[in-house]
N, C-alpha and C. Protein backbone atom coordinates (compact mmCIF):
# COMPACT_ATOMS: atom_id res chain seq x y z
N MET A 1 2.14 131.21 62.17
CA MET A 1 2.88 130.02 63.04
C MET A 1 2.01 130.06 64.02
N ASN A 2 1.55 129.04 64.34
CA ASN A 2 0.87 128.85 65.82
C ASN A 2 2.10 128.43 67.32
N GLU A 3 1.42 129.25 67.47
CA GLU A 3 2.59 129.48 69.30
C GLU A 3 2.37 128.37 70.36
N HIS A 4 1.12 127.93 70.19
CA HIS A 4 0.18 127.30 71.26
C HIS A 4 0.43 125.93 71.87
N PRO A 5 0.91 125.31 72.73
CA PRO A 5 1.36 124.18 72.70
C PRO A 5 0.04 123.30 72.46
N LEU A 6 0.41 122.11 71.34
CA LEU A 6 -0.77 121.34 71.14
C LEU A 6 -0.49 119.96 72.06
N ILE A 7 -1.54 119.63 72.56
CA ILE A 7 -2.05 118.32 74.30
C ILE A 7 -2.65 117.48 72.76
N LEU A 8 -2.01 116.02 73.03
CA LEU A 8 -2.94 114.72 72.59
C LEU A 8 -3.83 114.60 73.88
N ILE A 9 -4.69 114.25 73.48
CA ILE A 9 -5.65 113.45 74.41
C ILE A 9 -6.07 111.93 74.41
N ILE A 10 -5.47 111.53 74.79
CA ILE A 10 -6.13 109.65 74.27
C ILE A 10 -7.00 108.92 75.34
N ASP A 11 -8.42 108.73 75.06
CA ASP A 11 -9.66 108.74 75.99
C ASP A 11 -11.03 108.54 75.06
N ASP A 12 -10.99 107.14 75.23
CA ASP A 12 -12.77 106.77 74.89
C ASP A 12 -13.37 107.60 75.26
N GLU A 13 -13.58 108.31 76.24
CA GLU A 13 -15.00 109.01 76.56
C GLU A 13 -15.25 110.17 76.25
N VAL A 14 -16.81 110.14 75.06
CA VAL A 14 -15.89 111.27 74.61
C VAL A 14 -16.82 112.52 75.26
N SER A 15 -17.55 112.73 76.53
CA SER A 15 -18.08 113.84 77.45
C SER A 15 -16.60 114.81 78.02
N ILE A 16 -15.06 113.53 78.47
CA ILE A 16 -14.20 113.87 78.90
C ILE A 16 -13.51 114.52 78.09
N ARG A 17 -13.47 113.89 76.67
CA ARG A 17 -12.75 115.16 75.93
C ARG A 17 -13.33 116.37 75.30
N ARG A 18 -14.97 116.15 75.31
CA ARG A 18 -15.19 118.09 75.10
C ARG A 18 -15.15 118.90 76.69
N LEU A 19 -14.84 117.66 77.51
CA LEU A 19 -14.56 118.86 78.58
C LEU A 19 -13.13 118.95 78.38
N LEU A 20 -12.53 118.26 78.48
CA LEU A 20 -10.51 118.51 78.46
C LEU A 20 -10.43 119.84 77.28
N GLU A 21 -10.66 119.58 76.22
CA GLU A 21 -10.77 120.64 74.27
C GLU A 21 -11.44 122.12 75.30
N ILE A 22 -11.97 122.06 75.95
CA ILE A 22 -12.63 123.33 76.59
C ILE A 22 -11.88 123.88 77.48
N SER A 23 -11.56 123.63 78.38
CA SER A 23 -10.44 123.49 79.36
C SER A 23 -8.85 124.13 78.49
N PHE A 24 -8.82 122.60 77.66
CA PHE A 24 -7.53 123.54 77.20
C PHE A 24 -7.49 124.88 76.96
N GLN A 25 -8.47 124.87 75.65
CA GLN A 25 -7.93 125.76 75.00
C GLN A 25 -8.56 127.60 75.77
N SER A 26 -9.26 127.16 76.52
CA SER A 26 -9.69 128.25 77.62
C SER A 26 -8.54 128.91 78.27
N ASN A 27 -7.28 127.75 77.94
CA ASN A 27 -5.71 128.38 78.54
C ASN A 27 -5.00 128.48 77.53
N GLN A 28 -4.70 128.28 76.60
CA GLN A 28 -4.37 128.82 75.42
C GLN A 28 -3.80 127.54 74.77
N TYR A 29 -4.19 126.22 74.71
CA TYR A 29 -3.59 124.94 74.97
C TYR A 29 -4.16 124.54 73.30
N ASP A 30 -3.59 123.98 72.16
CA ASP A 30 -4.81 123.22 71.56
C ASP A 30 -4.65 122.26 71.21
N THR A 31 -5.68 121.29 70.89
CA THR A 31 -5.99 119.83 71.50
C THR A 31 -6.01 119.23 70.23
N GLN A 32 -5.79 117.90 70.07
CA GLN A 32 -5.99 116.79 69.54
C GLN A 32 -6.72 115.60 69.97
N GLU A 33 -7.47 115.07 69.53
CA GLU A 33 -7.93 113.71 70.45
C GLU A 33 -7.80 112.45 69.28
N ALA A 34 -8.31 111.32 70.48
CA ALA A 34 -8.45 110.08 69.56
C ALA A 34 -8.57 109.00 71.31
N GLY A 35 -9.81 108.31 70.58
CA GLY A 35 -10.52 107.60 70.87
C GLY A 35 -10.36 106.20 71.32
N THR A 36 -8.78 105.75 71.10
CA THR A 36 -7.92 104.20 71.02
C THR A 36 -7.06 104.50 70.63
N GLY A 37 -6.60 103.33 71.89
CA GLY A 37 -4.71 103.66 71.68
C GLY A 37 -4.23 103.60 70.47
N LYS A 38 -4.77 102.77 69.56
CA LYS A 38 -4.16 102.46 68.64
C LYS A 38 -4.03 104.16 67.47
N GLN A 39 -4.91 105.13 67.61
CA GLN A 39 -5.54 105.87 67.20
C GLN A 39 -4.11 107.18 68.00
N GLY A 40 -4.20 107.01 69.04
CA GLY A 40 -4.03 107.93 69.55
C GLY A 40 -2.27 107.77 69.64
N LEU A 41 -1.15 106.22 69.78
CA LEU A 41 -0.04 106.13 68.94
C LEU A 41 0.20 107.00 67.33
N ALA A 42 -0.67 106.57 66.54
CA ALA A 42 -0.76 106.93 65.55
C ALA A 42 -0.44 108.95 65.29
N LEU A 43 -1.25 109.20 65.87
CA LEU A 43 -1.26 111.15 66.18
C LEU A 43 -0.26 111.50 67.16
N ALA A 44 0.09 111.10 67.79
CA ALA A 44 1.92 111.08 68.67
C ALA A 44 2.82 111.25 67.72
N ALA A 45 2.80 109.88 67.05
CA ALA A 45 3.87 109.95 66.19
C ALA A 45 3.64 110.72 64.88
N GLN A 46 2.59 111.62 64.40
CA GLN A 46 2.91 112.16 63.35
C GLN A 46 2.81 113.85 63.52
N LEU A 47 2.20 113.99 65.06
CA LEU A 47 1.78 115.04 65.43
C LEU A 47 3.07 116.14 66.24
N GLN A 48 3.87 114.77 67.27
CA GLN A 48 4.53 114.99 67.85
C GLN A 48 4.59 116.20 69.02
N PRO A 49 2.90 116.11 70.28
CA PRO A 49 2.64 117.11 70.65
C PRO A 49 2.85 117.35 71.83
N ALA A 50 3.25 118.44 72.41
CA ALA A 50 3.76 118.90 74.07
C ALA A 50 3.87 118.27 74.63
N MET A 51 2.45 117.31 75.42
CA MET A 51 2.07 116.90 75.98
C MET A 51 1.25 116.01 75.56
N ILE A 52 0.94 114.70 76.57
CA ILE A 52 0.16 113.46 75.89
C ILE A 52 -0.58 113.40 77.42
N ILE A 53 -2.11 113.62 77.16
CA ILE A 53 -3.41 112.97 78.27
C ILE A 53 -3.70 111.82 77.87
N LEU A 54 -3.39 111.02 79.00
CA LEU A 54 -4.05 109.65 78.09
C LEU A 54 -4.93 108.62 79.05
N ASP A 55 -5.81 108.09 78.91
CA ASP A 55 -6.48 107.07 79.62
C ASP A 55 -5.66 106.24 80.21
N LEU A 56 -6.05 104.77 80.74
CA LEU A 56 -5.85 103.78 81.17
C LEU A 56 -6.81 103.16 80.46
N GLY A 57 -7.79 103.00 81.24
CA GLY A 57 -9.03 102.60 79.97
C GLY A 57 -9.90 102.34 78.89
N LEU A 58 -8.99 102.12 77.45
CA LEU A 58 -9.30 102.88 76.47
C LEU A 58 -9.71 100.94 76.03
N PRO A 59 -10.64 101.09 75.34
CA PRO A 59 -11.29 100.51 74.14
C PRO A 59 -10.47 98.36 74.08
N ASP A 60 -9.15 99.18 72.96
CA ASP A 60 -8.34 98.08 71.97
C ASP A 60 -6.70 97.40 73.13
N GLN A 61 -6.76 98.69 73.80
CA GLN A 61 -5.50 97.90 74.87
C GLN A 61 -5.66 98.80 75.88
N SER A 62 -4.87 98.12 76.23
CA SER A 62 -4.57 98.70 78.15
C SER A 62 -3.35 100.33 78.18
N GLY A 63 -3.83 100.89 78.79
CA GLY A 63 -3.23 102.84 78.95
C GLY A 63 -1.49 102.06 79.20
N HIS A 64 -1.52 101.29 79.89
CA HIS A 64 -0.30 100.99 79.90
C HIS A 64 1.28 100.57 79.28
N ASN A 65 0.10 99.99 78.45
CA ASN A 65 0.60 98.63 76.93
C ASN A 65 0.80 100.13 75.94
N VAL A 66 -0.30 101.03 76.33
CA VAL A 66 0.09 102.24 75.33
C VAL A 66 1.43 103.66 75.67
N LEU A 67 1.29 103.77 76.60
CA LEU A 67 2.36 104.38 78.02
C LEU A 67 3.80 103.28 77.08
N LEU A 68 3.92 102.51 77.37
CA LEU A 68 5.50 102.13 77.61
C LEU A 68 5.71 101.61 75.72
N GLN A 69 4.41 101.85 74.89
CA GLN A 69 5.26 102.24 73.86
C GLN A 69 5.13 103.69 73.77
N LEU A 70 5.24 104.68 73.96
CA LEU A 70 5.37 106.18 73.54
C LEU A 70 6.25 106.29 74.42
N ARG A 71 6.84 105.53 75.17
CA ARG A 71 8.47 105.88 75.86
C ARG A 71 9.48 104.84 75.31
N GLU A 72 8.69 104.25 74.44
CA GLU A 72 10.39 103.75 73.09
C GLU A 72 10.96 104.65 72.82
N TRP A 73 10.05 106.13 72.43
CA TRP A 73 10.55 107.23 71.78
C TRP A 73 9.92 107.88 71.98
N TYR A 74 8.94 108.23 72.93
CA TYR A 74 8.28 109.85 73.19
C TYR A 74 9.21 110.33 74.45
N THR A 75 9.23 111.69 74.34
CA THR A 75 9.71 112.14 75.52
C THR A 75 9.53 112.97 75.88
N GLY A 76 7.95 113.54 75.93
CA GLY A 76 7.54 115.00 76.14
C GLY A 76 6.57 114.48 77.41
N PRO A 77 6.37 114.88 78.22
CA PRO A 77 5.24 114.89 79.27
C PRO A 77 4.62 114.04 79.29
N ILE A 78 3.90 112.87 79.90
CA ILE A 78 2.71 112.01 80.19
C ILE A 78 2.17 111.80 81.19
N VAL A 79 0.69 112.62 81.04
CA VAL A 79 -0.34 112.67 82.29
C VAL A 79 -1.08 111.75 82.20
N ILE A 80 -1.38 111.22 83.04
CA ILE A 80 -2.75 110.03 83.12
C ILE A 80 -3.68 109.95 84.11
N LEU A 81 -5.11 110.08 83.00
CA LEU A 81 -6.17 110.55 83.65
C LEU A 81 -6.95 109.87 83.87
N SER A 82 -7.77 109.11 85.27
CA SER A 82 -8.07 107.48 84.97
C SER A 82 -8.98 107.08 86.06
N VAL A 83 -9.84 106.03 85.93
CA VAL A 83 -10.52 106.29 87.08
C VAL A 83 -9.99 104.97 87.90
N GLN A 84 -8.93 104.50 87.68
CA GLN A 84 -8.20 103.12 88.75
C GLN A 84 -7.40 104.30 89.63
N LYS A 85 -7.47 104.27 90.50
CA LYS A 85 -7.15 105.29 91.55
C LYS A 85 -6.35 103.66 92.66
N ASN A 86 -6.35 102.27 92.58
CA ASN A 86 -5.47 101.62 93.22
C ASN A 86 -4.18 101.79 93.56
N GLU A 87 -3.28 101.77 94.79
CA GLU A 87 -1.98 102.59 94.32
C GLU A 87 -1.13 101.84 93.54
N ASP A 88 -1.35 100.04 92.64
CA ASP A 88 -0.05 99.41 92.29
C ASP A 88 -0.40 99.79 90.70
N ASP A 89 -1.54 100.15 90.41
CA ASP A 89 -1.82 101.10 88.69
C ASP A 89 -1.34 102.56 89.06
N ILE A 90 -1.00 102.96 90.27
CA ILE A 90 -0.30 104.99 90.09
C ILE A 90 1.33 104.64 89.73
N VAL A 91 1.29 103.41 91.17
CA VAL A 91 3.05 103.08 90.90
C VAL A 91 3.46 102.60 89.63
N ARG A 92 2.48 101.54 89.06
CA ARG A 92 2.86 101.10 87.68
C ARG A 92 3.38 102.13 86.74
N ALA A 93 2.10 102.53 86.60
CA ALA A 93 2.55 104.03 85.60
C ALA A 93 3.12 104.79 86.02
N LEU A 94 3.62 105.01 86.60
CA LEU A 94 4.64 105.99 87.53
C LEU A 94 6.36 105.53 86.48
N ASP A 95 6.56 104.39 87.34
CA ASP A 95 7.12 103.20 87.01
C ASP A 95 7.86 103.98 85.47
N ASN A 96 7.03 103.16 84.83
CA ASN A 96 6.96 102.99 83.16
C ASN A 96 6.82 104.43 82.68
N GLY A 97 7.29 105.72 83.38
CA GLY A 97 7.51 106.58 82.50
C GLY A 97 6.43 108.35 82.27
N ALA A 98 5.72 107.41 83.19
CA ALA A 98 4.07 108.28 83.36
C ALA A 98 4.68 109.89 83.64
N ASN A 99 4.36 111.05 84.19
CA ASN A 99 5.25 112.06 85.31
C ASN A 99 4.54 112.90 85.56
N ASP A 100 2.93 112.24 85.16
CA ASP A 100 1.94 112.77 87.09
C ASP A 100 0.63 111.55 86.82
N TYR A 101 -0.03 111.19 87.71
CA TYR A 101 -1.38 111.06 87.31
C TYR A 101 -2.52 111.45 88.37
N VAL A 102 -3.28 111.85 88.05
CA VAL A 102 -4.54 112.43 88.06
C VAL A 102 -6.07 111.59 88.49
N ILE A 103 -6.69 111.53 88.58
CA ILE A 103 -7.68 110.53 89.85
C ILE A 103 -8.87 110.98 88.28
N LYS A 104 -9.52 110.04 88.04
CA LYS A 104 -11.30 111.00 87.61
C LYS A 104 -12.24 110.76 88.41
N PRO A 105 -13.37 111.30 88.81
CA PRO A 105 -13.32 112.52 88.79
C PRO A 105 -12.76 114.17 88.99
N PHE A 106 -11.86 114.84 88.37
CA PHE A 106 -10.69 115.55 88.69
C PHE A 106 -11.91 117.12 88.37
N ARG A 107 -10.84 118.12 89.23
CA ARG A 107 -10.90 119.57 89.25
C ARG A 107 -10.47 119.57 88.47
N THR A 108 -10.96 121.12 86.82
CA THR A 108 -10.28 121.66 86.28
C THR A 108 -8.60 122.21 86.93
N GLY A 109 -9.29 122.86 87.64
CA GLY A 109 -7.71 124.05 88.03
C GLY A 109 -6.78 123.23 88.40
N GLU A 110 -7.68 122.09 88.99
CA GLU A 110 -6.00 120.91 89.80
C GLU A 110 -5.30 120.88 88.50
N LEU A 111 -5.78 119.99 87.64
CA LEU A 111 -5.28 119.28 86.59
C LEU A 111 -4.40 120.49 85.40
N MET A 112 -4.91 121.06 84.92
CA MET A 112 -4.64 122.66 84.47
C MET A 112 -3.02 123.16 85.31
N ALA A 113 -3.60 123.23 86.22
CA ALA A 113 -1.86 123.23 87.47
C ALA A 113 -1.17 122.84 86.98
N ARG A 114 -1.51 121.19 86.62
CA ARG A 114 -0.98 119.66 87.11
C ARG A 114 0.02 120.00 85.55
N VAL A 115 -0.67 120.02 84.56
CA VAL A 115 -0.48 120.00 83.47
C VAL A 115 0.79 121.69 82.58
N ARG A 116 0.89 122.67 83.48
CA ARG A 116 1.73 123.48 83.49
C ARG A 116 2.87 123.36 84.03
N LEU A 117 3.06 122.67 85.21
CA LEU A 117 3.77 122.29 86.37
C LEU A 117 5.07 121.41 85.20
N ALA A 118 4.23 120.28 84.80
CA ALA A 118 4.57 119.42 84.14
C ALA A 118 5.30 120.56 82.37
N LEU A 119 4.60 120.80 81.68
CA LEU A 119 5.56 121.40 80.68
C LEU A 119 6.28 122.29 80.57
N ARG A 120 6.80 122.68 82.16
CA ARG A 120 7.43 124.10 82.98
C ARG A 120 8.45 123.09 82.75
N SER A 121 8.67 121.79 83.83
CA SER A 121 9.87 121.05 84.09
C SER A 121 10.38 120.68 82.85
N LYS A 122 9.95 120.36 81.89
CA LYS A 122 10.65 120.08 80.71
C LYS A 122 11.21 121.05 79.68
N GLN A 123 10.75 122.14 80.29
CA GLN A 123 10.68 123.21 79.61
C GLN A 123 12.31 123.60 80.19
N ASP A 124 12.08 123.28 81.71
CA ASP A 124 13.83 123.79 82.43
C ASP A 124 14.85 122.44 81.76
N GLU A 125 13.65 121.43 81.65
CA GLU A 125 14.95 120.56 81.28
C GLU A 125 16.29 120.59 80.12
N SER A 126 15.35 121.66 78.99
CA SER A 126 16.16 121.93 77.67
C SER A 126 16.85 122.97 77.70
N THR A 127 16.91 124.02 79.08
CA THR A 127 17.36 124.63 79.27
C THR A 127 18.98 124.29 78.91
N GLU A 128 20.03 125.63 78.37
CA GLU A 128 20.94 125.65 78.61
C GLU A 128 22.00 126.12 79.96
N GLY A 129 23.14 125.57 80.42
CA GLY A 129 23.63 125.71 81.69
C GLY A 129 22.96 123.82 82.61
N ALA A 130 23.38 124.30 83.87
CA ALA A 130 23.64 123.18 85.13
C ALA A 130 22.66 123.76 86.11
N ILE A 131 21.98 124.73 86.23
CA ILE A 131 21.77 125.58 87.51
C ILE A 131 19.95 125.48 87.62
N ARG A 132 19.87 124.99 88.37
CA ARG A 132 18.45 125.07 88.79
C ARG A 132 17.70 125.22 90.57
N LYS A 133 16.30 126.65 89.96
CA LYS A 133 16.78 127.30 91.33
C LYS A 133 14.66 127.18 91.41
N PHE A 134 14.82 127.13 93.09
CA PHE A 134 13.31 127.28 92.91
C PHE A 134 13.70 127.57 94.72
N GLY A 135 12.84 128.33 94.44
CA GLY A 135 12.58 130.03 95.63
C GLY A 135 14.35 129.56 96.18
N GLU A 136 14.27 129.51 97.15
CA GLU A 136 16.12 130.16 98.13
C GLU A 136 16.39 129.12 97.95
N LEU A 137 16.09 127.71 96.85
CA LEU A 137 17.38 127.12 97.29
C LEU A 137 17.89 127.14 95.62
N GLU A 138 19.20 126.88 95.20
CA GLU A 138 19.89 126.75 93.85
C GLU A 138 20.85 125.87 93.88
N LEU A 139 20.45 124.49 92.75
CA LEU A 139 21.46 123.43 92.71
C LEU A 139 22.07 123.45 91.51
N ASP A 140 23.62 123.63 91.53
CA ASP A 140 24.79 123.21 90.60
C ASP A 140 25.38 122.71 89.91
N ILE A 141 24.82 121.87 89.81
CA ILE A 141 24.68 120.35 88.61
C ILE A 141 26.27 120.50 88.40
N SER A 142 26.77 121.51 87.71
CA SER A 142 28.56 120.70 87.19
C SER A 142 29.10 121.31 88.48
N ALA A 143 28.93 121.91 89.45
CA ALA A 143 29.74 121.99 91.05
C ALA A 143 29.25 120.98 92.04
N HIS A 144 28.12 120.08 91.39
CA HIS A 144 27.66 119.32 92.84
C HIS A 144 27.15 119.96 94.63
N THR A 145 26.41 121.51 94.03
CA THR A 145 26.64 122.09 95.20
C THR A 145 25.32 122.33 95.70
N LEU A 146 24.66 122.60 96.51
CA LEU A 146 23.29 122.75 96.49
C LEU A 146 23.54 124.33 98.05
N SER A 147 22.77 125.34 97.12
CA SER A 147 22.93 125.75 98.22
C SER A 147 21.61 127.49 98.64
N ARG A 148 21.39 127.95 99.73
CA ARG A 148 20.35 128.77 99.95
C ARG A 148 20.68 130.24 100.37
N LYS A 149 20.81 131.45 99.61
CA LYS A 149 21.18 132.34 99.68
C LYS A 149 22.05 132.55 99.57
N ASN A 150 22.86 132.05 98.30
CA ASN A 150 24.34 131.95 98.22
C ASN A 150 25.03 131.48 99.39
N GLU A 151 24.72 130.98 99.89
CA GLU A 151 25.39 130.22 101.05
C GLU A 151 25.28 127.82 101.13
N ILE A 152 26.51 127.82 100.57
CA ILE A 152 26.73 126.43 100.32
C ILE A 152 26.16 125.45 101.20
N ILE A 153 24.76 124.34 101.50
CA ILE A 153 24.04 123.24 102.37
C ILE A 153 25.31 122.08 101.99
N LYS A 154 25.63 121.86 103.19
CA LYS A 154 26.57 121.13 103.42
C LYS A 154 25.52 119.22 103.70
N LEU A 155 25.95 118.48 102.48
CA LEU A 155 25.17 117.35 101.70
C LEU A 155 26.24 115.94 102.13
N THR A 156 25.80 114.87 102.84
CA THR A 156 27.12 113.65 101.56
C THR A 156 26.41 114.19 100.59
N VAL A 157 27.63 112.53 99.87
CA VAL A 157 27.37 111.98 98.53
C VAL A 157 26.22 112.03 98.62
N THR A 158 25.23 110.68 99.45
CA THR A 158 23.94 110.08 98.90
C THR A 158 22.66 111.26 99.11
N GLU A 159 22.68 111.99 100.11
CA GLU A 159 21.97 113.12 100.47
C GLU A 159 22.46 114.12 99.02
N TYR A 160 22.87 114.69 98.63
CA TYR A 160 23.12 115.48 96.71
C TYR A 160 22.72 114.76 95.74
N LYS A 161 22.99 113.10 95.78
CA LYS A 161 22.59 112.39 94.94
C LYS A 161 21.34 112.31 94.79
N LEU A 162 20.31 112.46 96.00
CA LEU A 162 19.15 112.10 96.10
C LEU A 162 18.47 113.18 95.70
N ILE A 163 18.90 114.76 96.32
CA ILE A 163 17.82 115.98 95.90
C ILE A 163 18.04 116.27 94.74
N SER A 164 19.38 116.02 94.35
CA SER A 164 19.89 116.89 92.40
C SER A 164 18.75 115.92 91.89
N LEU A 165 18.56 114.82 92.16
CA LEU A 165 17.19 114.03 91.39
C LEU A 165 16.36 114.25 91.29
N LEU A 166 15.59 114.29 92.64
CA LEU A 166 14.51 114.97 92.79
C LEU A 166 14.41 116.80 92.68
N MET A 167 14.94 117.43 92.04
CA MET A 167 14.90 119.01 91.68
C MET A 167 15.21 118.66 89.88
N THR A 168 16.39 118.00 89.55
CA THR A 168 16.23 117.87 88.02
C THR A 168 14.71 117.11 87.51
N GLN A 169 13.98 116.53 88.41
CA GLN A 169 12.77 115.99 87.74
C GLN A 169 11.96 116.99 88.46
N ALA A 170 11.62 118.32 89.15
CA ALA A 170 10.74 118.71 90.03
C ALA A 170 9.61 118.50 89.18
N GLY A 171 8.64 118.34 90.15
CA GLY A 171 6.82 118.55 89.26
C GLY A 171 6.68 117.25 89.30
N LYS A 172 7.81 116.06 89.00
CA LYS A 172 6.85 114.58 88.29
C LYS A 172 7.21 113.87 89.77
N VAL A 173 6.42 112.96 90.21
CA VAL A 173 6.06 112.24 91.39
C VAL A 173 7.37 110.55 91.24
N LEU A 174 8.36 110.77 91.65
CA LEU A 174 9.22 109.83 91.96
C LEU A 174 8.71 108.60 92.69
N THR A 175 8.45 107.34 91.99
CA THR A 175 8.26 105.96 93.29
C THR A 175 9.34 105.79 94.39
N HIS A 176 8.76 105.60 95.66
CA HIS A 176 10.00 104.49 95.99
C HIS A 176 10.59 103.54 95.65
N HIS A 177 10.37 103.19 94.79
CA HIS A 177 11.28 101.96 93.76
C HIS A 177 12.54 102.75 92.48
N TYR A 178 11.67 103.32 92.15
CA TYR A 178 12.42 104.45 91.33
C TYR A 178 13.55 105.51 91.82
N LEU A 179 13.30 106.04 93.03
CA LEU A 179 14.46 106.46 93.91
C LEU A 179 15.07 105.69 94.25
N LEU A 180 14.82 104.56 94.48
CA LEU A 180 15.93 103.28 95.70
C LEU A 180 16.72 102.64 94.67
N ARG A 181 16.28 102.62 93.40
CA ARG A 181 17.14 101.91 92.19
C ARG A 181 17.95 103.17 92.08
N GLU A 182 17.58 104.04 91.57
CA GLU A 182 19.05 105.06 90.69
C GLU A 182 19.66 105.04 92.39
N ILE A 183 19.43 105.44 93.43
CA ILE A 183 20.85 106.31 94.31
C ILE A 183 21.14 105.21 94.73
N TRP A 184 20.08 103.73 95.12
CA TRP A 184 21.00 102.90 96.01
C TRP A 184 21.68 101.71 94.92
N GLY A 185 20.52 101.33 93.86
CA GLY A 185 20.56 100.12 93.01
C GLY A 185 19.19 99.18 93.47
N PRO A 186 19.24 98.08 92.52
CA PRO A 186 18.31 97.85 92.53
C PRO A 186 17.52 96.19 93.38
N GLY A 187 19.67 96.18 93.78
CA GLY A 187 19.16 95.16 95.26
C GLY A 187 18.63 96.16 96.53
N TYR A 188 18.47 97.16 96.17
CA TYR A 188 17.69 98.13 97.35
C TYR A 188 16.10 98.44 97.37
N LEU A 189 15.88 97.44 96.46
CA LEU A 189 14.50 97.78 95.98
C LEU A 189 12.97 98.21 97.21
N ASN A 190 13.05 97.09 97.95
CA ASN A 190 12.50 97.34 98.94
C ASN A 190 12.97 97.84 100.35
N GLN A 191 14.12 98.82 99.85
CA GLN A 191 14.94 98.97 101.81
C GLN A 191 13.45 100.21 101.87
N THR A 192 12.57 100.64 101.91
CA THR A 192 12.19 101.97 101.62
C THR A 192 12.74 102.98 103.35
N GLN A 193 13.26 101.97 104.15
CA GLN A 193 13.28 102.32 105.23
C GLN A 193 14.46 103.74 104.95
N TYR A 194 15.56 103.32 103.88
CA TYR A 194 16.83 104.16 103.42
C TYR A 194 16.35 105.47 103.24
N LEU A 195 15.08 105.89 102.12
CA LEU A 195 14.67 106.63 101.46
C LEU A 195 14.12 107.73 103.01
N ARG A 196 13.01 107.09 103.37
CA ARG A 196 12.87 107.87 104.98
C ARG A 196 13.34 108.82 105.82
N VAL A 197 14.88 107.68 105.59
CA VAL A 197 15.87 107.92 106.85
C VAL A 197 16.68 109.79 106.23
N PHE A 198 16.92 109.25 104.45
CA PHE A 198 17.35 110.39 104.09
C PHE A 198 16.43 111.46 103.35
N ILE A 199 15.05 111.30 103.48
CA ILE A 199 14.38 112.43 102.81
C ILE A 199 14.18 113.39 104.24
N ALA A 200 14.90 112.75 105.65
CA ALA A 200 13.86 113.22 106.25
C ALA A 200 15.16 114.11 106.97
N GLN A 201 16.20 113.03 106.15
CA GLN A 201 17.83 114.37 106.77
C GLN A 201 17.74 115.37 105.40
N LEU A 202 17.53 114.87 104.43
CA LEU A 202 16.54 116.75 103.90
C LEU A 202 16.18 117.52 103.67
N ARG A 203 15.21 116.88 104.06
CA ARG A 203 14.90 118.08 104.76
C ARG A 203 14.63 119.59 105.98
N LYS A 204 14.83 118.16 106.52
CA LYS A 204 15.54 119.09 107.89
C LYS A 204 17.11 120.17 107.09
N LYS A 205 17.64 119.75 106.14
CA LYS A 205 18.71 121.17 105.99
C LYS A 205 17.82 122.08 105.46
N ILE A 206 16.83 121.90 104.21
CA ILE A 206 16.13 122.89 103.49
C ILE A 206 15.02 123.50 103.68
N GLU A 207 14.38 122.43 104.47
CA GLU A 207 13.13 123.13 104.70
C GLU A 207 12.99 124.11 106.33
N LYS A 208 12.52 125.24 105.95
CA LYS A 208 11.93 126.28 106.92
C LYS A 208 11.02 125.41 108.44
N ASP A 209 10.56 124.97 107.83
CA ASP A 209 9.79 124.15 109.18
C ASP A 209 9.81 122.52 108.56
N PRO A 210 10.63 121.64 108.63
CA PRO A 210 10.87 119.78 108.69
C PRO A 210 9.51 119.45 108.21
N ASP A 211 8.33 119.54 109.41
CA ASP A 211 6.92 119.05 109.23
C ASP A 211 6.28 119.29 108.22
N HIS A 212 6.70 120.47 108.09
CA HIS A 212 5.68 121.20 107.28
C HIS A 212 6.38 121.80 105.86
N PRO A 213 6.83 120.52 105.46
CA PRO A 213 7.52 121.04 103.67
C PRO A 213 7.16 121.15 102.38
N ILE A 214 7.73 122.47 102.40
CA ILE A 214 7.36 122.81 100.88
C ILE A 214 8.00 122.60 99.61
N TYR A 215 8.98 121.84 100.13
CA TYR A 215 9.94 121.64 98.73
C TYR A 215 9.68 120.55 99.04
N ILE A 216 10.39 118.99 99.73
CA ILE A 216 9.70 117.69 99.25
C ILE A 216 8.44 117.28 99.64
N LEU A 217 7.61 116.94 98.76
CA LEU A 217 6.11 116.44 99.35
C LEU A 217 5.86 115.26 99.24
N THR A 218 5.56 114.65 100.09
CA THR A 218 5.44 113.12 100.36
C THR A 218 4.24 112.68 99.37
N GLU A 219 3.89 111.96 98.50
CA GLU A 219 2.67 111.29 97.81
C GLU A 219 2.77 109.75 98.41
N SER A 220 1.77 110.14 99.75
CA SER A 220 1.72 108.92 100.03
C SER A 220 1.24 107.65 99.50
N GLY A 221 1.87 106.93 100.15
CA GLY A 221 2.16 105.01 99.88
C GLY A 221 2.65 105.01 98.32
N ILE A 222 3.10 106.01 97.63
CA ILE A 222 3.89 106.42 96.25
C ILE A 222 4.83 106.70 96.16
N GLY A 223 5.36 108.03 96.36
CA GLY A 223 7.06 108.56 97.22
C GLY A 223 7.03 110.04 97.03
N TYR A 224 7.71 110.42 96.21
CA TYR A 224 8.02 111.55 96.60
C TYR A 224 7.77 112.48 95.25
N ARG A 225 7.80 114.06 95.58
CA ARG A 225 8.12 115.35 94.28
C ARG A 225 7.96 115.97 95.27
N PHE A 226 9.26 116.93 94.32
CA PHE A 226 9.41 118.06 94.36
C PHE A 226 8.68 119.15 93.34
N HIS A 227 8.40 120.44 94.88
CA HIS A 227 7.53 121.23 94.73
C HIS A 227 7.93 122.37 94.14
N SER A 228 7.68 123.28 92.90
CA SER A 228 8.67 124.61 92.51
C SER A 228 7.98 125.27 93.01
N GLU A 229 8.49 126.62 93.88
CA GLU A 229 7.19 127.40 94.08
C GLU A 229 6.78 128.06 92.69
């Protein structure tokens, strides 16, 4: 039985697919490839891959459309790999369910690190129990508490909801709109100052140096990512 995770690459550039195939296989991943959105959707349904690498510039349809179709049923990580680097495309992809967004040309080492993180985060979601540990921090979902070295950190209800959302989706970029909608509701999508205030408060409580955070990282112009050590 093959125990290597299978990664499906949906990209129309043959050279990119060859590079990714070599990189993934040298890191103990198996790969399958598709050059169009239609072929990618069919292979995803047939193979049930552990992860999907998706290009937005496909010849037969937009990668955004493929992403939406995948997210109707596919629950594994999807990493966008695209030359499109404007914030609108990035935010749209993340809001529609992508786990991460890597811009071409890319560094292979960075892509591999993001792939490992996305797969690890998915594995953590599926493990039993309601405890999330990251460095010195421990989130107890059932008890609604956050602690450092077994000492409870005092949080407001909103602070807890925000840090819980970030930690349970560690490694994934969460957009401003997503966080505002989940914490405050759809009527607050433009109130980014709410988010800045509460992120600053959380950093003061959990970071050793709030000005140089290691847990709650800013994705400039897009949102935030909780980084697991």
